PDB file of N, CA and C in Angstrom:
ATOM      1  N   MET A   1       4.160  -5.004  -6.635  1.00  0.00           N
ATOM      2  CA  MET A   1       3.003  -5.724  -6.161  1.00  0.00           C
ATOM      3  C   MET A   1       2.298  -6.318  -7.381  1.00  0.00           C
ATOM      4  N   ASP A   2       1.980  -7.595  -7.312  1.00  0.00           N
ATOM      5  CA  ASP A   2       1.309  -8.213  -8.450  1.00  0.00           C
ATOM      6  C   ASP A   2      -0.212  -8.114  -8.292  1.00  0.00           C
ATOM      7  N   GLU A   3      -0.905  -8.586  -9.299  1.00  0.00           N
ATOM      8  CA  GLU A   3      -2.363  -8.469  -9.357  1.00  0.00           C
ATOM      9  C   GLU A   3      -3.052  -9.117  -8.153  1.00  0.00           C
ATOM     10  N   VAL A   4      -2.600 -10.295  -7.777  1.00  0.00           N
ATOM     11  CA  VAL A   4      -3.207 -11.007  -6.653  1.00  0.00           C
ATOM     12  C   VAL A   4      -3.015 -10.223  -5.358  1.00  0.00           C
ATOM     13  N   GLU A   5      -1.833  -9.662  -5.174  1.00  0.00           N
ATOM     14  CA  GLU A   5      -1.564  -8.866  -3.968  1.00  0.00           C
ATOM     15  C   GLU A   5      -2.442  -7.621  -3.924  1.00  0.00           C
ATOM     16  N   VAL A   6      -2.669  -6.995  -5.074  1.00  0.00           N
ATOM     17  CA  VAL A   6      -3.522  -5.806  -5.125  1.00  0.00           C
ATOM     18  C   VAL A   6      -4.950  -6.176  -4.741  1.00  0.00           C
ATOM     19  N   ILE A   7      -5.451  -7.265  -5.306  1.00  0.00           N
ATOM     20  CA  ILE A   7      -6.813  -7.701  -4.981  1.00  0.00           C
ATOM     21  C   ILE A   7      -6.922  -8.016  -3.495  1.00  0.00           C
ATOM     22  N   ASP A   8      -5.956  -8.753  -2.966  1.00  0.00           N
ATOM     23  CA  ASP A   8      -5.958  -9.096  -1.546  1.00  0.00           C
ATOM     24  C   ASP A   8      -5.926  -7.846  -0.676  1.00  0.00           C
ATOM     25  N   LEU A   9      -5.066  -6.906  -1.026  1.00  0.00           N
ATOM     26  CA  LEU A   9      -4.954  -5.663  -0.267  1.00  0.00           C
ATOM     27  C   LEU A   9      -6.281  -4.920  -0.233  1.00  0.00           C
ATOM     28  N   LEU A  10      -6.907  -4.765  -1.385  1.00  0.00           N
ATOM     29  CA  LEU A  10      -8.163  -4.020  -1.457  1.00  0.00           C
ATOM     30  C   LEU A  10      -9.288  -4.744  -0.727  1.00  0.00           C
ATOM     31  N   LEU A  11      -9.393  -6.044  -0.906  1.00  0.00           N
ATOM     32  CA  LEU A  11     -10.449  -6.791  -0.223  1.00  0.00           C
ATOM     33  C   LEU A  11     -10.224  -6.813   1.283  1.00  0.00           C
ATOM     34  N   HIS A  12      -8.972  -6.944   1.695  1.00  0.00           N
ATOM     35  CA  HIS A  12      -8.647  -6.942   3.123  1.00  0.00           C
ATOM     36  C   HIS A  12      -8.985  -5.591   3.751  1.00  0.00           C
ATOM     37  N   ARG A  13      -8.674  -4.530   3.036  1.00  0.00           N
ATOM     38  CA  ARG A  13      -8.861  -3.191   3.582  1.00  0.00           C
ATOM     39  C   ARG A  13     -10.309  -2.718   3.500  1.00  0.00           C
ATOM     40  N   TYR A  14     -10.987  -2.991   2.393  1.00  0.00           N
ATOM     41  CA  TYR A  14     -12.309  -2.409   2.158  1.00  0.00           C
ATOM     42  C   TYR A  14     -13.443  -3.425   2.137  1.00  0.00           C
ATOM     43  N   GLY A  15     -13.152  -4.712   2.009  1.00  0.00           N
ATOM     44  CA  GLY A  15     -14.211  -5.706   1.984  1.00  0.00           C
ATOM     45  C   GLY A  15     -14.852  -5.876   0.619  1.00  0.00           C
ATOM     46  N   SER A  16     -15.056  -4.796  -0.074  1.00  0.00           N
ATOM     47  CA  SER A  16     -15.641  -4.834  -1.414  1.00  0.00           C
ATOM     48  C   SER A  16     -14.899  -3.823  -2.275  1.00  0.00           C
ATOM     49  N   ILE A  17     -14.697  -4.151  -3.525  1.00  0.00           N
ATOM     50  CA  ILE A  17     -13.960  -3.242  -4.407  1.00  0.00           C
ATOM     51  C   ILE A  17     -14.824  -2.732  -5.552  1.00  0.00           C
ATOM     52  N   ASP A  18     -16.136  -2.920  -5.430  1.00  0.00           N
ATOM     53  CA  ASP A  18     -17.036  -2.493  -6.502  1.00  0.00           C
ATOM     54  C   ASP A  18     -16.906  -1.004  -6.805  1.00  0.00           C
ATOM     55  N   TYR A  19     -16.803  -0.184  -5.761  1.00  0.00           N
ATOM     56  CA  TYR A  19     -16.720   1.257  -5.997  1.00  0.00           C
ATOM     57  C   TYR A  19     -15.440   1.630  -6.741  1.00  0.00           C
ATOM     58  N   ILE A  20     -14.374   0.882  -6.540  1.00  0.00           N
ATOM     59  CA  ILE A  20     -13.125   1.159  -7.256  1.00  0.00           C
ATOM     60  C   ILE A  20     -13.285   0.822  -8.729  1.00  0.00           C
ATOM     61  N   LEU A  21     -14.016  -0.250  -9.006  1.00  0.00           N
ATOM     62  CA  LEU A  21     -14.238  -0.649 -10.396  1.00  0.00           C
ATOM     63  C   LEU A  21     -15.034   0.393 -11.164  1.00  0.00           C
ATOM     64  N   GLU A  22     -15.842   1.168 -10.448  1.00  0.00           N
ATOM     65  CA  GLU A  22     -16.656   2.193 -11.095  1.00  0.00           C
ATOM     66  C   GLU A  22     -15.891   3.500 -11.295  1.00  0.00           C
ATOM     67  N   MET A  23     -14.715   3.607 -10.722  1.00  0.00           N
ATOM     68  CA  MET A  23     -13.897   4.817 -10.862  1.00  0.00           C
ATOM     69  C   MET A  23     -13.160   4.807 -12.193  1.00  0.00           C
ATOM     70  N   GLY A  24     -12.646   5.972 -12.563  1.00  0.00           N
ATOM     71  CA  GLY A  24     -11.730   6.044 -13.691  1.00  0.00           C
ATOM     72  C   GLY A  24     -10.409   5.409 -13.291  1.00  0.00           C
ATOM     73  N   TYR A  25      -9.541   5.221 -14.264  1.00  0.00           N
ATOM     74  CA  TYR A  25      -8.268   4.549 -13.983  1.00  0.00           C
ATOM     75  C   TYR A  25      -7.423   5.315 -12.979  1.00  0.00           C
ATOM     76  N   GLU A  26      -7.327   6.632 -13.150  1.00  0.00           N
ATOM     77  CA  GLU A  26      -6.484   7.408 -12.236  1.00  0.00           C
ATOM     78  C   GLU A  26      -7.030   7.364 -10.818  1.00  0.00           C
ATOM     79  N   GLY A  27      -8.352   7.452 -10.668  1.00  0.00           N
ATOM     80  CA  GLY A  27      -8.956   7.352  -9.341  1.00  0.00           C
ATOM     81  C   GLY A  27      -8.712   5.991  -8.722  1.00  0.00           C
ATOM     82  N   GLY A  28      -8.805   4.946  -9.536  1.00  0.00           N
ATOM     83  CA  GLY A  28      -8.542   3.596  -9.046  1.00  0.00           C
ATOM     84  C   GLY A  28      -7.105   3.423  -8.612  1.00  0.00           C
ATOM     85  N   VAL A  29      -6.195   3.977  -9.402  1.00  0.00           N
ATOM     86  CA  VAL A  29      -4.771   3.905  -9.047  1.00  0.00           C
ATOM     87  C   VAL A  29      -4.524   4.642  -7.736  1.00  0.00           C
ATOM     88  N   GLU A  30      -5.137   5.809  -7.575  1.00  0.00           N
ATOM     89  CA  GLU A  30      -4.969   6.574  -6.334  1.00  0.00           C
ATOM     90  C   GLU A  30      -5.476   5.778  -5.136  1.00  0.00           C
ATOM     91  N   GLN A  31      -6.614   5.098  -5.285  1.00  0.00           N
ATOM     92  CA  GLN A  31      -7.150   4.287  -4.194  1.00  0.00           C
ATOM     93  C   GLN A  31      -6.212   3.135  -3.853  1.00  0.00           C
ATOM     94  N   ILE A  32      -5.681   2.493  -4.877  1.00  0.00           N
ATOM     95  CA  ILE A  32      -4.754   1.383  -4.649  1.00  0.00           C
ATOM     96  C   ILE A  32      -3.503   1.880  -3.932  1.00  0.00           C
ATOM     97  N   LEU A  33      -2.967   3.015  -4.377  1.00  0.00           N
ATOM     98  CA  LEU A  33      -1.771   3.566  -3.736  1.00  0.00           C
ATOM     99  C   LEU A  33      -2.044   3.964  -2.293  1.00  0.00           C
ATOM    100  N   LYS A  34      -3.213   4.560  -2.035  1.00  0.00           N
ATOM    101  CA  LYS A  34      -3.564   4.962  -0.668  1.00  0.00           C
ATOM    102  C   LYS A  34      -3.732   3.729   0.220  1.00  0.00           C
ATOM    103  N   ALA A  35      -4.382   2.694  -0.298  1.00  0.00           N
ATOM    104  CA  ALA A  35      -4.544   1.459   0.477  1.00  0.00           C
ATOM    105  C   ALA A  35      -3.180   0.857   0.800  1.00  0.00           C
ATOM    106  N   TYR A  36      -2.281   0.870  -0.176  1.00  0.00           N
ATOM    107  CA  TYR A  36      -0.931   0.343   0.033  1.00  0.00           C
ATOM    108  C   TYR A  36      -0.192   1.177   1.084  1.00  0.00           C
ATOM    109  N   GLU A  37      -0.342   2.496   1.004  1.00  0.00           N
ATOM    110  CA  GLU A  37       0.300   3.388   1.977  1.00  0.00           C
ATOM    111  C   GLU A  37      -0.203   3.094   3.389  1.00  0.00           C
ATOM    112  N   LYS A  38      -1.515   2.944   3.542  1.00  0.00           N
ATOM    113  CA  LYS A  38      -2.090   2.680   4.862  1.00  0.00           C
ATOM    114  C   LYS A  38      -1.676   1.299   5.383  1.00  0.00           C
ATOM    115  N   GLU A  39      -1.605   0.326   4.498  1.00  0.00           N
ATOM    116  CA  GLU A  39      -1.150  -1.010   4.885  1.00  0.00           C
ATOM    117  C   GLU A  39       0.302  -0.951   5.362  1.00  0.00           C
ATOM    118  N   THR A  40       1.119  -0.182   4.665  1.00  0.00           N
ATOM    119  CA  THR A  40       2.520  -0.017   5.050  1.00  0.00           C
ATOM    120  C   THR A  40       2.623   0.663   6.413  1.00  0.00           C
ATOM    121  N   GLU A  41       1.817   1.701   6.634  1.00  0.00           N
ATOM    122  CA  GLU A  41       1.807   2.382   7.934  1.00  0.00           C
ATOM    123  C   GLU A  41       1.432   1.414   9.050  1.00  0.00           C
ATOM    124  N   GLN A  42       0.440   0.561   8.791  1.00  0.00           N
ATOM    125  CA  GLN A  42       0.016  -0.402   9.808  1.00  0.00           C
ATOM    126  C   GLN A  42       1.145  -1.376  10.132  1.00  0.00           C
ATOM    127  N   LYS A  43       1.846  -1.826   9.107  1.00  0.00           N
ATOM    128  CA  LYS A  43       2.973  -2.737   9.332  1.00  0.00           C
ATOM    129  C   LYS A  43       4.081  -2.042  10.113  1.00  0.00           C
ATOM    130  N   GLN A  44       4.323  -0.757   9.818  1.00  0.00           N
ATOM    131  CA  GLN A  44       5.334  -0.001  10.560  1.00  0.00           C
ATOM    132  C   GLN A  44       4.919   0.149  12.019  1.00  0.00           C
ATOM    133  N   TRP A  45       3.634   0.393  12.251  1.00  0.00           N
ATOM    134  CA  TRP A  45       3.132   0.533  13.614  1.00  0.00           C
ATOM    135  C   TRP A  45       3.316  -0.777  14.377  1.00  0.00           C
ATOM    136  N   ASP A  46       2.969  -1.895  13.733  1.00  0.00           N
ATOM    137  CA  ASP A  46       3.132  -3.200  14.371  1.00  0.00           C
ATOM    138  C   ASP A  46       4.597  -3.464  14.715  1.00  0.00           C
ATOM    139  N   LEU A  47       5.497  -3.139  13.805  1.00  0.00           N
ATOM    140  CA  LEU A  47       6.926  -3.303  14.057  1.00  0.00           C
ATOM    141  C   LEU A  47       7.377  -2.394  15.199  1.00  0.00           C
ATOM    142  N   TYR A  48       6.882  -1.161  15.200  1.00  0.00           N
ATOM    143  CA  TYR A  48       7.227  -0.217  16.263  1.00  0.00           C
ATOM    144  C   TYR A  48       6.786  -0.767  17.626  1.00  0.00           C
ATOM    145  N   LEU A  49       5.574  -1.314  17.680  1.00  0.00           N
ATOM    146  CA  LEU A  49       5.084  -1.855  18.950  1.00  0.00           C
ATOM    147  C   LEU A  49       5.956  -3.003  19.452  1.00  0.00           C
ATOM    148  N   MET A  50       6.432  -3.823  18.531  1.00  0.00           N
ATOM    149  CA  MET A  50       7.327  -4.918  18.935  1.00  0.00           C
ATOM    150  C   MET A  50       8.640  -4.361  19.477  1.00  0.00           C
ATOM    151  N   ARG A  51       9.167  -3.350  18.835  1.00  0.00           N
ATOM    152  CA  ARG A  51      10.430  -2.754  19.297  1.00  0.00           C
ATOM    153  C   ARG A  51      10.233  -1.918  20.556  1.00  0.00           C
ATOM    154  N   TYR A  52       9.057  -1.316  20.686  1.00  0.00           N
ATOM    155  CA  TYR A  52       8.755  -0.462  21.837  1.00  0.00           C
ATOM    156  C   TYR A  52       8.905  -1.238  23.147  1.00  0.00           C
ATOM    157  N   GLN A  53       8.523  -2.489  23.133  1.00  0.00           N
ATOM    158  CA  GLN A  53       8.621  -3.323  24.340  1.00  0.00           C
ATOM    159  C   GLN A  53      10.038  -3.383  24.894  1.00  0.00           C
ATOM    160  N   HIS A  54      11.006  -3.246  24.013  1.00  0.00           N
ATOM    161  CA  HIS A  54      12.407  -3.393  24.410  1.00  0.00           C
ATOM    162  C   HIS A  54      13.138  -2.051  24.526  1.00  0.00           C
ATOM    163  N   MET A  55      12.422  -0.968  24.301  1.00  0.00           N
ATOM    164  CA  MET A  55      13.058   0.349  24.410  1.00  0.00           C
ATOM    165  C   MET A  55      13.223   0.717  25.874  1.00  0.00           C
ATOM    166  N   THR A  56      14.297   1.433  26.132  1.00  0.00           N
ATOM    167  CA  THR A  56      14.534   1.954  27.474  1.00  0.00           C
ATOM    168  C   THR A  56      14.431   3.471  27.415  1.00  0.00           C
ATOM    169  N   LYS A  57      14.587   4.077  28.548  1.00  0.00           N
ATOM    170  CA  LYS A  57      14.555   5.535  28.613  1.00  0.00           C
ATOM    171  C   LYS A  57      15.644   6.146  27.730  1.00  0.00           C
ATOM    172  N   ASN A  58      16.768   5.456  27.619  1.00  0.00           N
ATOM    173  CA  ASN A  58      17.912   5.975  26.868  1.00  0.00           C
ATOM    174  C   ASN A  58      17.788   5.820  25.359  1.00  0.00           C
ATOM    175  N   ASP A  59      17.074   4.805  24.903  1.00  0.00           N
ATOM    176  CA  ASP A  59      16.994   4.592  23.450  1.00  0.00           C
ATOM    177  C   ASP A  59      15.570   4.715  22.889  1.00  0.00           C
ATOM    178  N   PHE A  60      14.687   5.334  23.657  1.00  0.00           N
ATOM    179  CA  PHE A  60      13.307   5.522  23.194  1.00  0.00           C
ATOM    180  C   PHE A  60      13.273   6.388  21.934  1.00  0.00           C
ATOM    181  N   VAL A  61      12.463   5.973  20.988  1.00  0.00           N
ATOM    182  CA  VAL A  61      12.261   6.720  19.745  1.00  0.00           C
ATOM    183  C   VAL A  61      10.761   6.880  19.553  1.00  0.00           C
ATOM    184  N   PRO A  62      10.271   8.122  19.422  1.00  0.00           N
ATOM    185  CA  PRO A  62       8.841   8.301  19.155  1.00  0.00           C
ATOM    186  C   PRO A  62       8.468   7.712  17.791  1.00  0.00           C
ATOM    187  N   PHE A  63       7.211   7.321  17.654  1.00  0.00           N
ATOM    188  CA  PHE A  63       6.763   6.699  16.402  1.00  0.00           C
ATOM    189  C   PHE A  63       6.979   7.624  15.213  1.00  0.00           C
ATOM    190  N   SER A  64       6.776   8.919  15.400  1.00  0.00           N
ATOM    191  CA  SER A  64       6.961   9.866  14.288  1.00  0.00           C
ATOM    192  C   SER A  64       8.394   9.815  13.753  1.00  0.00           C
ATOM    193  N   GLU A  65       9.372   9.678  14.638  1.00  0.00           N
ATOM    194  CA  GLU A  65      10.768   9.557  14.199  1.00  0.00           C
ATOM    195  C   GLU A  65      11.035   8.178  13.598  1.00  0.00           C
ATOM    196  N   PHE A  66      10.449   7.172  14.204  1.00  0.00           N
ATOM    197  CA  PHE A  66      10.611   5.805  13.704  1.00  0.00           C
ATOM    198  C   PHE A  66      10.129   5.700  12.258  1.00  0.00           C
ATOM    199  N   MET A  67       9.023   6.357  11.956  1.00  0.00           N
ATOM    200  CA  MET A  67       8.465   6.311  10.598  1.00  0.00           C
ATOM    201  C   MET A  67       9.348   7.034   9.593  1.00  0.00           C
ATOM    202  N   GLN A  68      10.104   8.011  10.033  1.00  0.00           N
ATOM    203  CA  GLN A  68      10.938   8.788   9.116  1.00  0.00           C
ATOM    204  C   GLN A  68      12.222   8.064   8.737  1.00  0.00           C
ATOM    205  N   LYS A  69      12.629   7.113   9.556  1.00  0.00           N
ATOM    206  CA  LYS A  69      13.852   6.371   9.260  1.00  0.00           C
ATOM    207  C   LYS A  69      13.560   5.353   8.162  1.00  0.00           C
ATOM    208  N   PRO A  70      14.327   5.384   7.101  1.00  0.00           N
ATOM    209  CA  PRO A  70      14.092   4.390   6.042  1.00  0.00           C
ATOM    210  C   PRO A  70      14.514   2.999   6.504  1.00  0.00           C
ATOM    211  N   ALA A  71      13.660   2.030   6.262  1.00  0.00           N
ATOM    212  CA  ALA A  71      13.968   0.651   6.639  1.00  0.00           C
ATOM    213  C   ALA A  71      15.071   0.101   5.745  1.00  0.00           C
ATOM    214  N   GLN A  72      14.961   0.423   4.486  1.00  0.00           N
ATOM    215  CA  GLN A  72      15.977   0.018   3.527  1.00  0.00           C
ATOM    216  C   GLN A  72      15.805   0.881   2.291  1.00  0.00           C
ATOM    217  N   LYS A  73      16.814   0.909   1.493  1.00  0.00           N
ATOM    218  CA  LYS A  73      16.743   1.704   0.272  1.00  0.00           C
ATOM    219  C   LYS A  73      15.711   1.098  -0.667  1.00  0.00           C
ATOM    220  N   ALA A  74      14.788   1.920  -1.101  1.00  0.00           N
ATOM    221  CA  ALA A  74      13.783   1.470  -2.062  1.00  0.00           C
ATOM    222  C   ALA A  74      14.231   1.874  -3.455  1.00  0.00           C
ATOM    223  N   SER A  75      14.027   0.993  -4.377  1.00  0.00           N
ATOM    224  CA  SER A  75      14.396   1.333  -5.747  1.00  0.00           C
ATOM    225  C   SER A  75      13.233   2.068  -6.400  1.00  0.00           C
ATOM    226  N   ALA A  76      13.568   3.109  -7.106  1.00  0.00           N
ATOM    227  CA  ALA A  76      12.547   3.902  -7.782  1.00  0.00           C
ATOM    228  C   ALA A  76      12.037   3.143  -8.996  1.00  0.00           C
ATOM    229  N   SER A  77      10.760   3.313  -9.253  1.00  0.00           N
ATOM    230  CA  SER A  77      10.159   2.662 -10.409  1.00  0.00           C
ATOM    231  C   SER A  77      10.678   3.310 -11.684  1.00  0.00           C
ATOM    232  N   THR A  78      10.942   2.484 -12.663  1.00  0.00           N
ATOM    233  CA  THR A  78      11.394   3.008 -13.950  1.00  0.00           C
ATOM    234  C   THR A  78      10.242   3.072 -14.941  1.00  0.00           C
ATOM    235  N   LYS A  79       9.044   2.760 -14.469  1.00  0.00           N
ATOM    236  CA  LYS A  79       7.881   2.788 -15.351  1.00  0.00           C
ATOM    237  C   LYS A  79       7.416   4.224 -15.571  1.00  0.00           C
ATOM    238  N   THR A  80       6.930   4.468 -16.766  1.00  0.00           N
ATOM    239  CA  THR A  80       6.356   5.776 -17.069  1.00  0.00           C
ATOM    240  C   THR A  80       4.935   5.821 -16.525  1.00  0.00           C
ATOM    241  N   LYS A  81       4.378   7.016 -16.488  1.00  0.00           N
ATOM    242  CA  LYS A  81       3.001   7.176 -16.030  1.00  0.00           C
ATOM    243  C   LYS A  81       2.063   6.341 -16.897  1.00  0.00           C
ATOM    244  N   GLU A  82       2.321   6.327 -18.193  1.00  0.00           N
ATOM    245  CA  GLU A  82       1.473   5.572 -19.118  1.00  0.00           C
ATOM    246  C   GLU A  82       1.545   4.070 -18.827  1.00  0.00           C
ATOM    247  N   GLU A  83       2.749   3.573 -18.530  1.00  0.00           N
ATOM    248  CA  GLU A  83       2.900   2.149 -18.214  1.00  0.00           C
ATOM    249  C   GLU A  83       2.174   1.793 -16.920  1.00  0.00           C
ATOM    250  N   ILE A  84       2.256   2.674 -15.949  1.00  0.00           N
ATOM    251  CA  ILE A  84       1.564   2.441 -14.680  1.00  0.00           C
ATOM    252  C   ILE A  84       0.061   2.427 -14.902  1.00  0.00           C
ATOM    253  N   LEU A  85      -0.441   3.369 -15.701  1.00  0.00           N
ATOM    254  CA  LEU A  85      -1.873   3.404 -15.990  1.00  0.00           C
ATOM    255  C   LEU A  85      -2.308   2.170 -16.781  1.00  0.00           C
ATOM    256  N   GLU A  86      -1.457   1.678 -17.673  1.00  0.00           N
ATOM    257  CA  GLU A  86      -1.768   0.440 -18.402  1.00  0.00           C
ATOM    258  C   GLU A  86      -1.865  -0.738 -17.433  1.00  0.00           C
ATOM    259  N   ASP A  87      -0.926  -0.804 -16.487  1.00  0.00           N
ATOM    260  CA  ASP A  87      -0.973  -1.865 -15.476  1.00  0.00           C
ATOM    261  C   ASP A  87      -2.268  -1.775 -14.675  1.00  0.00           C
ATOM    262  N   ALA A  88      -2.632  -0.554 -14.290  1.00  0.00           N
ATOM    263  CA  ALA A  88      -3.862  -0.351 -13.530  1.00  0.00           C
ATOM    264  C   ALA A  88      -5.075  -0.778 -14.350  1.00  0.00           C
ATOM    265  N   GLU A  89      -5.056  -0.472 -15.635  1.00  0.00           N
ATOM    266  CA  GLU A  89      -6.157  -0.863 -16.520  1.00  0.00           C
ATOM    267  C   GLU A  89      -6.289  -2.387 -16.563  1.00  0.00           C
ATOM    268  N   MET A  90      -5.166  -3.086 -16.652  1.00  0.00           N
ATOM    269  CA  MET A  90      -5.199  -4.554 -16.678  1.00  0.00           C
ATOM    270  C   MET A  90      -5.718  -5.115 -15.353  1.00  0.00           C
ATOM    271  N   ILE A  91      -5.309  -4.512 -14.244  1.00  0.00           N
ATOM    272  CA  ILE A  91      -5.774  -4.968 -12.933  1.00  0.00           C
ATOM    273  C   ILE A  91      -7.273  -4.764 -12.811  1.00  0.00           C
ATOM    274  N   LEU A  92      -7.748  -3.578 -13.183  1.00  0.00           N
ATOM    275  CA  LEU A  92      -9.184  -3.304 -13.098  1.00  0.00           C
ATOM    276  C   LEU A  92      -9.972  -4.211 -14.030  1.00  0.00           C
ATOM    277  N   ALA A  93      -9.440  -4.495 -15.207  1.00  0.00           N
ATOM    278  CA  ALA A  93     -10.112  -5.402 -16.142  1.00  0.00           C
ATOM    279  C   ALA A  93     -10.225  -6.800 -15.536  1.00  0.00           C
ATOM    280  N   SER A  94      -9.183  -7.236 -14.832  1.00  0.00           N
ATOM    281  CA  SER A  94      -9.245  -8.564 -14.213  1.00  0.00           C
ATOM    282  C   SER A  94     -10.269  -8.590 -13.083  1.00  0.00           C
ATOM    283  N   PHE A  95     -10.443  -7.467 -12.368  1.00  0.00           N
ATOM    284  CA  PHE A  95     -11.482  -7.381 -11.341  1.00  0.00           C
ATOM    285  C   PHE A  95     -12.856  -7.542 -11.976  1.00  0.00           C
ATOM    286  N   ARG A  96     -13.050  -6.888 -13.101  1.00  0.00           N
ATOM    287  CA  ARG A  96     -14.345  -6.944 -13.780  1.00  0.00           C
ATOM    288  C   ARG A  96     -14.662  -8.366 -14.238  1.00  0.00           C
ATOM    289  N   LYS A  97     -13.635  -9.084 -14.710  1.00  0.00           N
ATOM    290  CA  LYS A  97     -13.828 -10.475 -15.137  1.00  0.00           C
ATOM    291  C   LYS A  97     -14.192 -11.352 -13.945  1.00  0.00           C
ATOM    292  N   ALA A  98     -13.518 -11.109 -12.812  1.00  0.00           N
ATOM    293  CA  ALA A  98     -13.738 -11.934 -11.621  1.00  0.00           C
ATOM    294  C   ALA A  98     -15.101 -11.662 -10.992  1.00  0.00           C
ATOM    295  N   GLY A  99     -15.598 -10.429 -11.139  1.00  0.00           N
ATOM    296  CA  GLY A  99     -16.847 -10.047 -10.479  1.00  0.00           C
ATOM    297  C   GLY A  99     -18.003 -10.309 -11.299  1.00  0.00           C
TER     298      GLY A  99
END
């Protein structure tokens, strides 16, 4: 996710990101990750609802099972914790410049 996507995600989800800017880097990263997780859950729910319309008694899958099935293989990040925190620092710095 690039800087613009992070800003969009946070503004879309929370309306204001001032409180995140006042957090430490790790707290800010946790908020960004949680917002991303919730956004992903919402997208999964929307997809489930579209598929639910076409489910029959024979192929019904509860949402809890649907969420456990991987959509596709995700590649693991090769960044170190320090690199991730540096990225977060740059993102937060850009928020401060914009605000």
